[in-house]
Amino acid sequence: MKKSLATLGVLAAAALALSGCSDSAADPDSSPSDADTGSGELTTVRVAALPIAETGALWAAMDEGIFEEHGLEIEVVPAQGGANAIPALLSGDIEFAIGQPFGPIRADLQDLGVTIVGNYANSLAEGTDVNAVVALADSGITRPADLAGKKVSVNTLGAAGDLTIRKAVQDDGGDPSTIEFVEVAFPDVPAQLEAGTMDAAWAPDPFRGIIVGGGGTSVVAPYQATIPGLTVLTNITTQALLDEDPELVASYSAAMTEALAWASDNEEAVRAAIATNLEIPEEAAAGITLPTFTWDLADAGIEDLGALAVEFEYIETEPDYGRLIQQQ
């Protein structure tokens, strides 16, 4: 694991840089109504996204000029998870968020007017998945049941990460109620594991790759073990924006549809964007497992996730999917 420390330092610096800035030089006081796309100006759209490999599709599409072709200038606002971005959506600080669907599920149950308007990326139904629970080689943790009684980190508590981990542990014969989940931002995972402050961690690439590449163990891919192909990230907005500015939502949806299709056909550009924005070596970006980028919610597995959440008593009842999921 010691050979990963140099890379870890680079990633930590990148995470700090991302937390203090956005990917656009747009006027922070601007709003979608400040620009007139008909006059050739761009409409600034603020989008919350995590500093992880999956965001490479967004970064690369921005570099390619896809959003500009639709009259939009994207300002990326770093976030830790979809649930964390919901207050910013409701306050109007951002227009869209790219995050897990579990935050919107909870928000719908509170009738907060949060909607999922499109997919972003699905996990992989087989093979090496885009996220996994990882542990150091000397941890003694090699299978899901071994996580019982252990301290495990996730980026957002009470969401798809720890929910699917619980299910995977239960299916392997372990007691999921004995797991102590701790909220840790993905970029901090390698350092926390090496410091011994937790036993295992749920992480996407490049952080999963740092641990496994340094001799660590991939314990389980919880999405693949429970709901194969489950969406990793979705596009989230508010019902208020849908009602008040349907043209903006339509422009964003068309741009993101094109961006994700383009990203699927241009892996090298996506990996280059990951290397640049996460400040990691190109060879490290080349080894990252990419998800299935898609705007289509048809096979996202959101309803399966809601049913699993009820089973494990994360929520009392499933949300109103007709209200929550509004494919654009």
C-alpha atoms as a PDB file:
ATOM      1  CA  MET A   1       0.000   0.000   0.000  1.00  0.00           C
ATOM      2  CA  LYS A   2       2.938   2.369   0.561  1.00  0.00           C
ATOM      3  CA  LYS A   3       3.455   2.802  -3.165  1.00  0.00           C
ATOM      4  CA  SER A   4       0.020   4.425  -3.373  1.00  0.00           C
ATOM      5  CA  LEU A   5       0.901   7.273  -1.016  1.00  0.00           C
ATOM      6  CA  ALA A   6       2.256   9.549  -3.740  1.00  0.00           C
ATOM      7  CA  THR A   7      -0.878   9.101  -5.784  1.00  0.00           C
ATOM      8  CA  LEU A   8      -2.946   9.590  -2.653  1.00  0.00           C
ATOM      9  CA  GLY A   9      -1.298  12.952  -2.037  1.00  0.00           C
ATOM     10  CA  VAL A  10      -2.096  14.064  -5.561  1.00  0.00           C
ATOM     11  CA  LEU A  11      -5.723  12.993  -5.198  1.00  0.00           C
ATOM     12  CA  ALA A  12      -6.076  14.730  -1.855  1.00  0.00           C
ATOM     13  CA  ALA A  13      -4.789  17.935  -3.398  1.00  0.00           C
ATOM     14  CA  ALA A  14      -7.211  17.511  -6.252  1.00  0.00           C
ATOM     15  CA  ALA A  15     -10.104  17.044  -3.866  1.00  0.00           C
ATOM     16  CA  LEU A  16      -9.167  20.215  -1.998  1.00  0.00           C
ATOM     17  CA  ALA A  17      -8.931  22.121  -5.243  1.00  0.00           C
ATOM     18  CA  LEU A  18     -12.322  20.834  -6.367  1.00  0.00           C
ATOM     19  CA  SER A  19     -13.966  21.778  -3.081  1.00  0.00           C
ATOM     20  CA  GLY A  20     -12.907  25.381  -3.495  1.00  0.00           C
ATOM     21  CA  CYS A  21     -13.747  26.061  -7.105  1.00  0.00           C
ATOM     22  CA  SER A  22     -15.988  25.169  -9.996  1.00  0.00           C
ATOM     23  CA  ASP A  23     -15.284  24.105 -13.560  1.00  0.00           C
ATOM     24  CA  SER A  24     -16.579  27.337 -15.032  1.00  0.00           C
ATOM     25  CA  ALA A  25     -15.533  30.928 -14.800  1.00  0.00           C
ATOM     26  CA  ALA A  26     -19.173  31.981 -14.987  1.00  0.00           C
ATOM     27  CA  ASP A  27     -20.455  34.865 -12.861  1.00  0.00           C
ATOM     28  CA  PRO A  28     -21.577  33.232  -9.592  1.00  0.00           C
ATOM     29  CA  ASP A  29     -24.373  35.781  -9.318  1.00  0.00           C
ATOM     30  CA  SER A  30     -25.806  34.855 -12.696  1.00  0.00           C
ATOM     31  CA  SER A  31     -28.958  32.768 -13.097  1.00  0.00           C
ATOM     32  CA  PRO A  32     -30.512  30.869 -15.994  1.00  0.00           C
ATOM     33  CA  SER A  33     -32.614  33.905 -16.898  1.00  0.00           C
ATOM     34  CA  ASP A  34     -29.568  36.176 -17.158  1.00  0.00           C
ATOM     35  CA  ALA A  35     -28.582  34.920 -20.588  1.00  0.00           C
ATOM     36  CA  ASP A  36     -30.460  34.931 -23.874  1.00  0.00           C
ATOM     37  CA  THR A  37     -29.573  31.941 -25.989  1.00  0.00           C
ATOM     38  CA  GLY A  38     -31.481  33.465 -28.868  1.00  0.00           C
ATOM     39  CA  SER A  39     -29.000  36.342 -29.000  1.00  0.00           C
ATOM     40  CA  GLY A  40     -26.041  33.974 -29.116  1.00  0.00           C
ATOM     41  CA  GLU A  41     -25.218  34.250 -25.416  1.00  0.00           C
ATOM     42  CA  LEU A  42     -24.960  31.184 -23.213  1.00  0.00           C
ATOM     43  CA  THR A  43     -27.234  30.374 -20.315  1.00  0.00           C
ATOM     44  CA  THR A  44     -25.275  29.468 -17.193  1.00  0.00           C
ATOM     45  CA  VAL A  45     -26.501  26.254 -15.589  1.00  0.00           C
ATOM     46  CA  ARG A  46     -25.146  25.201 -12.206  1.00  0.00           C
ATOM     47  CA  VAL A  47     -24.801  21.434 -11.789  1.00  0.00           C
ATOM     48  CA  ALA A  48     -23.695  19.653  -8.619  1.00  0.00           C
ATOM     49  CA  ALA A  49     -21.434  16.670  -9.317  1.00  0.00           C
ATOM     50  CA  LEU A  50     -19.040  14.471  -7.372  1.00  0.00           C
ATOM     51  CA  PRO A  51     -15.250  14.578  -7.932  1.00  0.00           C
ATOM     52  CA  ILE A  52     -15.171  10.954  -9.149  1.00  0.00           C
ATOM     53  CA  ALA A  53     -14.384   9.126 -12.375  1.00  0.00           C
ATOM     54  CA  GLU A  54     -18.011   8.968 -13.533  1.00  0.00           C
ATOM     55  CA  THR A  55     -18.040  12.759 -13.836  1.00  0.00           C
ATOM     56  CA  GLY A  56     -15.512  12.336 -16.642  1.00  0.00           C
ATOM     57  CA  ALA A  57     -18.385  12.130 -19.136  1.00  0.00           C
ATOM     58  CA  LEU A  58     -19.609  15.568 -18.090  1.00  0.00           C
ATOM     59  CA  TRP A  59     -16.144  17.115 -18.091  1.00  0.00           C
ATOM     60  CA  ALA A  60     -15.287  15.648 -21.491  1.00  0.00           C
ATOM     61  CA  ALA A  61     -18.591  16.738 -23.043  1.00  0.00           C
ATOM     62  CA  MET A  62     -17.998  20.245 -21.739  1.00  0.00           C
ATOM     63  CA  ASP A  63     -14.550  20.259 -23.361  1.00  0.00           C
ATOM     64  CA  GLU A  64     -16.102  18.996 -26.587  1.00  0.00           C
ATOM     65  CA  GLY A  65     -18.495  21.958 -26.634  1.00  0.00           C
ATOM     66  CA  ILE A  66     -21.658  19.859 -26.598  1.00  0.00           C
ATOM     67  CA  PHE A  67     -23.417  21.984 -24.004  1.00  0.00           C
ATOM     68  CA  GLU A  68     -22.451  25.207 -25.767  1.00  0.00           C
ATOM     69  CA  GLU A  69     -24.100  23.859 -28.919  1.00  0.00           C
ATOM     70  CA  HIS A  70     -27.302  23.751 -26.895  1.00  0.00           C
ATOM     71  CA  GLY A  71     -26.826  27.297 -25.611  1.00  0.00           C
ATOM     72  CA  LEU A  72     -25.602  26.278 -22.167  1.00  0.00           C
ATOM     73  CA  GLU A  73     -22.530  26.998 -20.084  1.00  0.00           C
ATOM     74  CA  ILE A  74     -22.156  24.428 -17.333  1.00  0.00           C
ATOM     75  CA  GLU A  75     -20.803  25.496 -13.952  1.00  0.00           C
ATOM     76  CA  VAL A  76     -19.893  22.373 -12.002  1.00  0.00           C
ATOM     77  CA  VAL A  77     -20.409  22.700  -8.262  1.00  0.00           C
ATOM     78  CA  PRO A  78     -18.559  19.962  -6.306  1.00  0.00           C
ATOM     79  CA  ALA A  79     -20.781  17.816  -4.077  1.00  0.00           C
ATOM     80  CA  GLN A  80     -20.330  14.803  -1.808  1.00  0.00           C
ATOM     81  CA  GLY A  81     -23.534  13.050  -2.853  1.00  0.00           C
ATOM     82  CA  GLY A  82     -26.972  13.467  -4.360  1.00  0.00           C
ATOM     83  CA  ALA A  83     -28.679  13.859  -0.985  1.00  0.00           C
ATOM     84  CA  ASN A  84     -26.236  16.598   0.005  1.00  0.00           C
ATOM     85  CA  ALA A  85     -27.126  18.576  -3.116  1.00  0.00           C
ATOM     86  CA  ILE A  86     -30.885  18.606  -2.518  1.00  0.00           C
ATOM     87  CA  PRO A  87     -30.901  21.638  -0.165  1.00  0.00           C
ATOM     88  CA  ALA A  88     -28.992  23.579  -2.830  1.00  0.00           C
ATOM     89  CA  LEU A  89     -31.564  22.528  -5.429  1.00  0.00           C
ATOM     90  CA  LEU A  90     -34.465  23.595  -3.239  1.00  0.00           C
ATOM     91  CA  SER A  91     -32.874  26.950  -2.454  1.00  0.00           C
ATOM     92  CA  GLY A  92     -32.158  27.651  -6.118  1.00  0.00           C
ATOM     93  CA  ASP A  93     -28.371  27.722  -5.651  1.00  0.00           C
ATOM     94  CA  ILE A  94     -28.091  25.082  -8.376  1.00  0.00           C
ATOM     95  CA  GLU A  95     -30.408  24.011 -11.173  1.00  0.00           C
ATOM     96  CA  PHE A  96     -29.437  20.331 -11.474  1.00  0.00           C
ATOM     97  CA  ALA A  97     -27.552  17.690  -9.513  1.00  0.00           C
ATOM     98  CA  ILE A  98     -25.921  14.486 -10.678  1.00  0.00           C
ATOM     99  CA  GLY A  99     -26.247  12.053  -7.804  1.00  0.00           C
ATOM    100  CA  GLN A 100     -27.596   8.809  -6.402  1.00  0.00           C
ATOM    101  CA  PRO A 101     -31.377   8.383  -6.651  1.00  0.00           C
ATOM    102  CA  PHE A 102     -31.824   7.699  -2.945  1.00  0.00           C
ATOM    103  CA  GLY A 103     -31.793  11.368  -1.963  1.00  0.00           C
ATOM    104  CA  PRO A 104     -34.673  12.112  -4.339  1.00  0.00           C
ATOM    105  CA  ILE A 105     -36.528   9.040  -3.027  1.00  0.00           C
ATOM    106  CA  ARG A 106     -36.425  10.448   0.500  1.00  0.00           C
ATOM    107  CA  ALA A 107     -37.267  13.933  -0.767  1.00  0.00           C
ATOM    108  CA  ASP A 108     -40.365  12.656  -2.566  1.00  0.00           C
ATOM    109  CA  LEU A 109     -41.608  11.010   0.617  1.00  0.00           C
ATOM    110  CA  GLN A 110     -41.421  14.475   2.198  1.00  0.00           C
ATOM    111  CA  ASP A 111     -43.202  16.013  -0.796  1.00  0.00           C
ATOM    112  CA  LEU A 112     -40.284  18.387  -1.426  1.00  0.00           C
ATOM    113  CA  GLY A 113     -40.821  18.592  -5.159  1.00  0.00           C
ATOM    114  CA  VAL A 114     -37.589  16.905  -6.253  1.00  0.00           C
ATOM    115  CA  THR A 115     -37.614  14.939  -9.498  1.00  0.00           C
ATOM    116  CA  ILE A 116     -35.317  12.656 -11.468  1.00  0.00           C
ATOM    117  CA  VAL A 117     -35.424  13.833 -15.077  1.00  0.00           C
ATOM    118  CA  GLY A 118     -32.862  11.513 -16.596  1.00  0.00           C
ATOM    119  CA  ASN A 119     -30.280   8.865 -15.905  1.00  0.00           C
ATOM    120  CA  TYR A 120     -26.538   9.504 -16.063  1.00  0.00           C
ATOM    121  CA  ALA A 121     -24.740   6.202 -15.574  1.00  0.00           C
ATOM    122  CA  ASN A 122     -25.572   2.605 -14.718  1.00  0.00           C
ATOM    123  CA  SER A 123     -23.339   0.172 -12.873  1.00  0.00           C
ATOM    124  CA  LEU A 124     -22.189  -2.955 -14.695  1.00  0.00           C
ATOM    125  CA  ALA A 125     -24.239  -6.119 -14.400  1.00  0.00           C
ATOM    126  CA  GLU A 126     -21.179  -8.381 -14.649  1.00  0.00           C
ATOM    127  CA  GLY A 127     -17.411  -8.217 -14.566  1.00  0.00           C
ATOM    128  CA  THR A 128     -15.505  -5.599 -12.563  1.00  0.00           C
ATOM    129  CA  ASP A 129     -18.048  -3.029 -11.408  1.00  0.00           C
ATOM    130  CA  VAL A 130     -17.601   0.717 -11.042  1.00  0.00           C
ATOM    131  CA  ASN A 131     -17.701   0.667  -7.242  1.00  0.00           C
ATOM    132  CA  ALA A 132     -16.898  -1.843  -4.538  1.00  0.00           C
ATOM    133  CA  VAL A 133     -16.296  -2.312  -0.848  1.00  0.00           C
ATOM    134  CA  VAL A 134     -12.532  -2.477  -0.419  1.00  0.00           C
ATOM    135  CA  ALA A 135     -10.244  -3.337   2.484  1.00  0.00           C
ATOM    136  CA  LEU A 136      -6.517  -3.526   3.119  1.00  0.00           C
ATOM    137  CA  ALA A 137      -4.810  -6.853   2.569  1.00  0.00           C
ATOM    138  CA  ASP A 138      -4.124  -7.389   6.276  1.00  0.00           C
ATOM    139  CA  SER A 139      -7.705  -6.646   7.366  1.00  0.00           C
ATOM    140  CA  GLY A 140      -8.863 -10.253   7.208  1.00  0.00           C
ATOM    141  CA  ILE A 141     -11.944  -9.117   5.291  1.00  0.00           C
ATOM    142  CA  THR A 142     -12.397 -11.154   2.124  1.00  0.00           C
ATOM    143  CA  ARG A 143     -16.168 -11.671   1.694  1.00  0.00           C
ATOM    144  CA  PRO A 144     -19.376  -9.743   2.468  1.00  0.00           C
ATOM    145  CA  ALA A 145     -20.158 -11.676   5.665  1.00  0.00           C
ATOM    146  CA  ASP A 146     -16.802 -10.524   7.076  1.00  0.00           C
ATOM    147  CA  LEU A 147     -18.135  -6.946   7.166  1.00  0.00           C
ATOM    148  CA  ALA A 148     -20.482  -7.830  10.053  1.00  0.00           C
ATOM    149  CA  GLY A 149     -19.335  -6.026  13.193  1.00  0.00           C
ATOM    150  CA  LYS A 150     -16.926  -3.840  11.206  1.00  0.00           C
ATOM    151  CA  LYS A 151     -16.674  -0.104  10.595  1.00  0.00           C
ATOM    152  CA  VAL A 152     -17.378   0.646   6.925  1.00  0.00           C
ATOM    153  CA  SER A 153     -17.374   4.033   5.197  1.00  0.00           C
ATOM    154  CA  VAL A 154     -19.822   5.331   2.589  1.00  0.00           C
ATOM    155  CA  ASN A 155     -19.967   8.819   1.093  1.00  0.00           C
ATOM    156  CA  THR A 156     -23.565   9.400   2.223  1.00  0.00           C
ATOM    157  CA  LEU A 157     -25.273   7.619   5.094  1.00  0.00           C
ATOM    158  CA  GLY A 158     -28.701   6.085   4.604  1.00  0.00           C
ATOM    159  CA  ALA A 159     -28.420   5.802   0.836  1.00  0.00           C
ATOM    160  CA  ALA A 160     -27.834   3.220  -1.884  1.00  0.00           C
ATOM    161  CA  GLY A 161     -24.290   2.428  -0.754  1.00  0.00           C
ATOM    162  CA  ASP A 162     -24.928   1.175   2.764  1.00  0.00           C
ATOM    163  CA  LEU A 163     -28.341  -0.232   1.791  1.00  0.00           C
ATOM    164  CA  THR A 164     -26.929  -2.537  -0.893  1.00  0.00           C
ATOM    165  CA  ILE A 165     -23.992  -3.445   1.349  1.00  0.00           C
ATOM    166  CA  ARG A 166     -26.422  -4.573   4.050  1.00  0.00           C
ATOM    167  CA  LYS A 167     -28.272  -6.727   1.536  1.00  0.00           C
ATOM    168  CA  ALA A 168     -25.030  -8.272   0.236  1.00  0.00           C
ATOM    169  CA  VAL A 169     -23.896  -9.081   3.787  1.00  0.00           C
ATOM    170  CA  GLN A 170     -27.258 -10.619   4.644  1.00  0.00           C
ATOM    171  CA  ASP A 171     -27.244 -12.732   1.491  1.00  0.00           C
ATOM    172  CA  ASP A 172     -23.763 -13.994   2.432  1.00  0.00           C
ATOM    173  CA  GLY A 173     -24.934 -15.102   5.882  1.00  0.00           C
ATOM    174  CA  GLY A 174     -23.712 -12.125   7.909  1.00  0.00           C
ATOM    175  CA  ASP A 175     -25.658  -9.862  10.255  1.00  0.00           C
ATOM    176  CA  PRO A 176     -25.979  -6.462   8.529  1.00  0.00           C
ATOM    177  CA  SER A 177     -27.367  -4.802  11.662  1.00  0.00           C
ATOM    178  CA  THR A 178     -23.937  -5.036  13.310  1.00  0.00           C
ATOM    179  CA  ILE A 179     -22.127  -2.942  10.678  1.00  0.00           C
ATOM    180  CA  GLU A 180     -21.098   0.541  11.795  1.00  0.00           C
ATOM    181  CA  PHE A 181     -21.343   2.841   8.790  1.00  0.00           C
ATOM    182  CA  VAL A 182     -19.326   6.068   8.777  1.00  0.00           C
ATOM    183  CA  GLU A 183     -19.714   8.962   6.337  1.00  0.00           C
ATOM    184  CA  VAL A 184     -16.430   9.689   4.534  1.00  0.00           C
ATOM    185  CA  ALA A 185     -15.949  11.579   1.273  1.00  0.00           C
ATOM    186  CA  PHE A 186     -14.604   9.336  -1.474  1.00  0.00           C
ATOM    187  CA  PRO A 187     -11.274  11.197  -1.911  1.00  0.00           C
ATOM    188  CA  ASP A 188     -10.508  10.587   1.786  1.00  0.00           C
ATOM    189  CA  VAL A 189     -10.999   6.809   1.631  1.00  0.00           C
ATOM    190  CA  PRO A 190      -7.400   5.689   0.930  1.00  0.00           C
ATOM    191  CA  ALA A 191      -5.959   7.822   3.716  1.00  0.00           C
ATOM    192  CA  GLN A 192      -8.607   6.726   6.213  1.00  0.00           C
ATOM    193  CA  LEU A 193      -8.035   3.043   5.464  1.00  0.00           C
ATOM    194  CA  GLU A 194      -4.272   3.384   5.761  1.00  0.00           C
ATOM    195  CA  ALA A 195      -4.697   5.262   9.049  1.00  0.00           C
ATOM    196  CA  GLY A 196      -6.791   2.371  10.373  1.00  0.00           C
ATOM    197  CA  THR A 197      -9.765   4.543  11.294  1.00  0.00           C
ATOM    198  CA  MET A 198     -12.110   2.150   9.489  1.00  0.00           C
ATOM    199  CA  ASP A 199     -12.064  -1.499   8.479  1.00  0.00           C
ATOM    200  CA  ALA A 200     -13.426  -1.221   4.948  1.00  0.00           C
ATOM    201  CA  ALA A 201     -14.783   1.384   2.580  1.00  0.00           C
ATOM    202  CA  TRP A 202     -17.232   1.658  -0.287  1.00  0.00           C
ATOM    203  CA  ALA A 203     -15.626   3.578  -3.120  1.00  0.00           C
ATOM    204  CA  PRO A 204     -15.724   4.165  -6.875  1.00  0.00           C
ATOM    205  CA  ASP A 205     -12.702   4.620  -9.105  1.00  0.00           C
ATOM    206  CA  PRO A 206     -10.099   5.996  -8.936  1.00  0.00           C
ATOM    207  CA  PHE A 207     -10.177   5.412  -5.169  1.00  0.00           C
ATOM    208  CA  ARG A 208     -11.217   1.758  -5.450  1.00  0.00           C
ATOM    209  CA  GLY A 209      -8.332   1.236  -7.856  1.00  0.00           C
ATOM    210  CA  ILE A 210      -5.819   2.808  -5.474  1.00  0.00           C
ATOM    211  CA  ILE A 211      -6.667   0.306  -2.750  1.00  0.00           C
ATOM    212  CA  VAL A 212      -6.898  -2.768  -4.964  1.00  0.00           C
ATOM    213  CA  GLY A 213      -3.866  -1.760  -7.037  1.00  0.00           C
ATOM    214  CA  GLY A 214      -1.866  -1.370  -3.846  1.00  0.00           C
ATOM    215  CA  GLY A 215      -2.554  -4.959  -2.807  1.00  0.00           C
ATOM    216  CA  GLY A 216      -5.897  -4.460  -1.103  1.00  0.00           C
ATOM    217  CA  THR A 217      -9.011  -6.589  -1.453  1.00  0.00           C
ATOM    218  CA  SER A 218     -12.196  -5.961  -3.403  1.00  0.00           C
ATOM    219  CA  VAL A 219     -14.675  -7.478  -0.954  1.00  0.00           C
ATOM    220  CA  VAL A 220     -17.938  -7.079  -2.874  1.00  0.00           C
ATOM    221  CA  ALA A 221     -19.516  -4.946  -5.579  1.00  0.00           C
ATOM    222  CA  PRO A 222     -22.776  -4.305  -3.697  1.00  0.00           C
ATOM    223  CA  TYR A 223     -24.810  -2.972  -6.632  1.00  0.00           C
ATOM    224  CA  GLN A 224     -23.895  -5.959  -8.758  1.00  0.00           C
ATOM    225  CA  ALA A 225     -24.583  -8.354  -5.891  1.00  0.00           C
ATOM    226  CA  THR A 226     -28.059  -6.965  -5.188  1.00  0.00           C
ATOM    227  CA  ILE A 227     -29.510  -5.030  -8.151  1.00  0.00           C
ATOM    228  CA  PRO A 228     -27.243  -5.741 -11.159  1.00  0.00           C
ATOM    229  CA  GLY A 229     -26.987  -2.720 -13.435  1.00  0.00           C
ATOM    230  CA  LEU A 230     -28.437  -0.342 -10.817  1.00  0.00           C
ATOM    231  CA  THR A 231     -28.021   3.307 -11.715  1.00  0.00           C
ATOM    232  CA  VAL A 232     -24.935   4.885 -10.188  1.00  0.00           C
ATOM    233  CA  LEU A 233     -25.943   8.497 -10.780  1.00  0.00           C
ATOM    234  CA  THR A 234     -29.064  10.254 -12.025  1.00  0.00           C
ATOM    235  CA  ASN A 235     -29.908  13.795 -13.126  1.00  0.00           C
ATOM    236  CA  ILE A 236     -31.995  15.537 -10.493  1.00  0.00           C
ATOM    237  CA  THR A 237     -33.887  18.827 -10.468  1.00  0.00           C
ATOM    238  CA  THR A 238     -37.024  20.331  -8.926  1.00  0.00           C
ATOM    239  CA  GLN A 239     -40.647  20.306 -10.002  1.00  0.00           C
ATOM    240  CA  ALA A 240     -40.536  24.091  -9.648  1.00  0.00           C
ATOM    241  CA  LEU A 241     -37.885  24.378 -12.359  1.00  0.00           C
ATOM    242  CA  LEU A 242     -39.805  21.979 -14.589  1.00  0.00           C
ATOM    243  CA  ASP A 243     -42.898  24.154 -14.217  1.00  0.00           C
ATOM    244  CA  GLU A 244     -41.229  27.577 -14.355  1.00  0.00           C
ATOM    245  CA  ASP A 245     -38.580  27.053 -17.014  1.00  0.00           C
ATOM    246  CA  PRO A 246     -39.448  24.006 -19.136  1.00  0.00           C
ATOM    247  CA  GLU A 247     -37.304  25.344 -21.996  1.00  0.00           C
ATOM    248  CA  LEU A 248     -34.197  25.262 -19.817  1.00  0.00           C
ATOM    249  CA  VAL A 249     -34.963  21.723 -18.676  1.00  0.00           C
ATOM    250  CA  ALA A 250     -35.542  20.680 -22.296  1.00  0.00           C
ATOM    251  CA  SER A 251     -32.250  22.237 -23.419  1.00  0.00           C
ATOM    252  CA  TYR A 252     -30.326  20.613 -20.579  1.00  0.00           C
ATOM    253  CA  SER A 253     -31.977  17.247 -21.228  1.00  0.00           C
ATOM    254  CA  ALA A 254     -31.171  17.367 -24.947  1.00  0.00           C
ATOM    255  CA  ALA A 255     -27.591  18.383 -24.224  1.00  0.00           C
ATOM    256  CA  MET A 256     -27.080  15.698 -21.599  1.00  0.00           C
ATOM    257  CA  THR A 257     -28.640  13.042 -23.830  1.00  0.00           C
ATOM    258  CA  GLU A 258     -26.136  13.929 -26.556  1.00  0.00           C
ATOM    259  CA  ALA A 259     -23.263  14.246 -24.077  1.00  0.00           C
ATOM    260  CA  LEU A 260     -23.782  10.801 -22.565  1.00  0.00           C
ATOM    261  CA  ALA A 261     -24.169   9.131 -25.960  1.00  0.00           C
ATOM    262  CA  TRP A 262     -20.995  10.874 -27.133  1.00  0.00           C
ATOM    263  CA  ALA A 263     -19.132   9.830 -23.968  1.00  0.00           C
ATOM    264  CA  SER A 264     -20.089   6.208 -24.571  1.00  0.00           C
ATOM    265  CA  ASP A 265     -18.372   6.376 -27.972  1.00  0.00           C
ATOM    266  CA  ASN A 266     -15.346   8.384 -26.842  1.00  0.00           C
ATOM    267  CA  GLU A 267     -13.782   6.595 -23.881  1.00  0.00           C
ATOM    268  CA  GLU A 268     -10.335   8.050 -24.526  1.00  0.00           C
ATOM    269  CA  ALA A 269     -11.674  11.592 -24.236  1.00  0.00           C
ATOM    270  CA  VAL A 270     -13.506  10.677 -21.030  1.00  0.00           C
ATOM    271  CA  ARG A 271     -10.355   9.170 -19.532  1.00  0.00           C
ATOM    272  CA  ALA A 272      -8.335  12.234 -20.540  1.00  0.00           C
ATOM    273  CA  ALA A 273     -10.874  14.460 -18.793  1.00  0.00           C
ATOM    274  CA  ILE A 274     -10.688  12.274 -15.680  1.00  0.00           C
ATOM    275  CA  ALA A 275      -6.895  12.546 -15.620  1.00  0.00           C
ATOM    276  CA  THR A 276      -7.040  16.320 -16.004  1.00  0.00           C
ATOM    277  CA  ASN A 277      -9.816  17.089 -13.547  1.00  0.00           C
ATOM    278  CA  LEU A 278      -8.804  14.615 -10.844  1.00  0.00           C
ATOM    279  CA  GLU A 279      -5.115  15.380 -11.443  1.00  0.00           C
ATOM    280  CA  ILE A 280      -4.085  11.754 -11.730  1.00  0.00           C
ATOM    281  CA  PRO A 281      -1.627  10.181 -14.202  1.00  0.00           C
ATOM    282  CA  GLU A 282      -3.007   9.229 -17.596  1.00  0.00           C
ATOM    283  CA  GLU A 283      -1.983   5.614 -17.011  1.00  0.00           C
ATOM    284  CA  ALA A 284      -4.084   5.570 -13.827  1.00  0.00           C
ATOM    285  CA  ALA A 285      -7.088   6.970 -15.694  1.00  0.00           C
ATOM    286  CA  ALA A 286      -6.608   4.337 -18.400  1.00  0.00           C
ATOM    287  CA  GLY A 287      -7.217   1.563 -15.870  1.00  0.00           C
ATOM    288  CA  ILE A 288     -10.463   2.964 -14.474  1.00  0.00           C
ATOM    289  CA  THR A 289     -13.657   0.958 -14.979  1.00  0.00           C
ATOM    290  CA  LEU A 290     -16.230   3.186 -16.661  1.00  0.00           C
ATOM    291  CA  PRO A 291     -20.002   2.812 -16.193  1.00  0.00           C
ATOM    292  CA  THR A 292     -22.648   2.621 -18.883  1.00  0.00           C
ATOM    293  CA  PHE A 293     -23.405   6.250 -19.677  1.00  0.00           C
ATOM    294  CA  THR A 294     -27.059   6.735 -20.593  1.00  0.00           C
ATOM    295  CA  TRP A 295     -29.889   9.249 -20.220  1.00  0.00           C
ATOM    296  CA  ASP A 296     -32.487   6.455 -20.349  1.00  0.00           C
ATOM    297  CA  LEU A 297     -34.056   5.540 -17.001  1.00  0.00           C
ATOM    298  CA  ALA A 298     -35.791   2.398 -18.290  1.00  0.00           C
ATOM    299  CA  ASP A 299     -33.281  -0.038 -16.749  1.00  0.00           C
ATOM    300  CA  ALA A 300     -32.075   2.149 -13.873  1.00  0.00           C
ATOM    301  CA  GLY A 301     -33.476  -0.094 -11.125  1.00  0.00           C
ATOM    302  CA  ILE A 302     -34.834   2.799  -9.050  1.00  0.00           C
ATOM    303  CA  GLU A 303     -38.045   1.002  -8.127  1.00  0.00           C
ATOM    304  CA  ASP A 304     -36.050  -2.076  -7.068  1.00  0.00           C
ATOM    305  CA  LEU A 305     -33.948   0.212  -4.872  1.00  0.00           C
ATOM    306  CA  GLY A 306     -37.081   1.677  -3.304  1.00  0.00           C
ATOM    307  CA  ALA A 307     -38.447  -1.784  -2.551  1.00  0.00           C
ATOM    308  CA  LEU A 308     -35.131  -2.805  -0.963  1.00  0.00           C
ATOM    309  CA  ALA A 309     -35.196   0.352   1.167  1.00  0.00           C
ATOM    310  CA  VAL A 310     -38.610  -0.613   2.530  1.00  0.00           C
ATOM    311  CA  GLU A 311     -37.406  -4.150   3.211  1.00  0.00           C
ATOM    312  CA  PHE A 312     -34.509  -2.849   5.323  1.00  0.00           C
ATOM    313  CA  GLU A 313     -36.688  -0.173   6.933  1.00  0.00           C
ATOM    314  CA  TYR A 314     -34.761   2.763   5.491  1.00  0.00           C
ATOM    315  CA  ILE A 315     -38.131   4.198   4.527  1.00  0.00           C
ATOM    316  CA  GLU A 316     -41.662   3.284   5.604  1.00  0.00           C
ATOM    317  CA  THR A 317     -43.189   3.243   2.143  1.00  0.00           C
ATOM    318  CA  GLU A 318     -42.075   3.583  -1.456  1.00  0.00           C
ATOM    319  CA  PRO A 319     -42.267   6.989  -3.127  1.00  0.00           C
ATOM    320  CA  ASP A 320     -44.708   8.092  -5.801  1.00  0.00           C
ATOM    321  CA  TYR A 321     -42.619   6.944  -8.769  1.00  0.00           C
ATOM    322  CA  GLY A 322     -44.884   8.719 -11.255  1.00  0.00           C
ATOM    323  CA  ARG A 323     -44.081  11.999  -9.556  1.00  0.00           C
ATOM    324  CA  LEU A 324     -40.461  11.221  -8.750  1.00  0.00           C
ATOM    325  CA  ILE A 325     -39.339   9.879 -12.129  1.00  0.00           C
ATOM    326  CA  GLN A 326     -40.114  12.220 -14.999  1.00  0.00           C
ATOM    327  CA  GLN A 327     -37.987  11.131 -17.947  1.00  0.00           C
ATOM    328  CA  GLN A 328     -37.332  14.104 -20.246  1.00  0.00           C
END
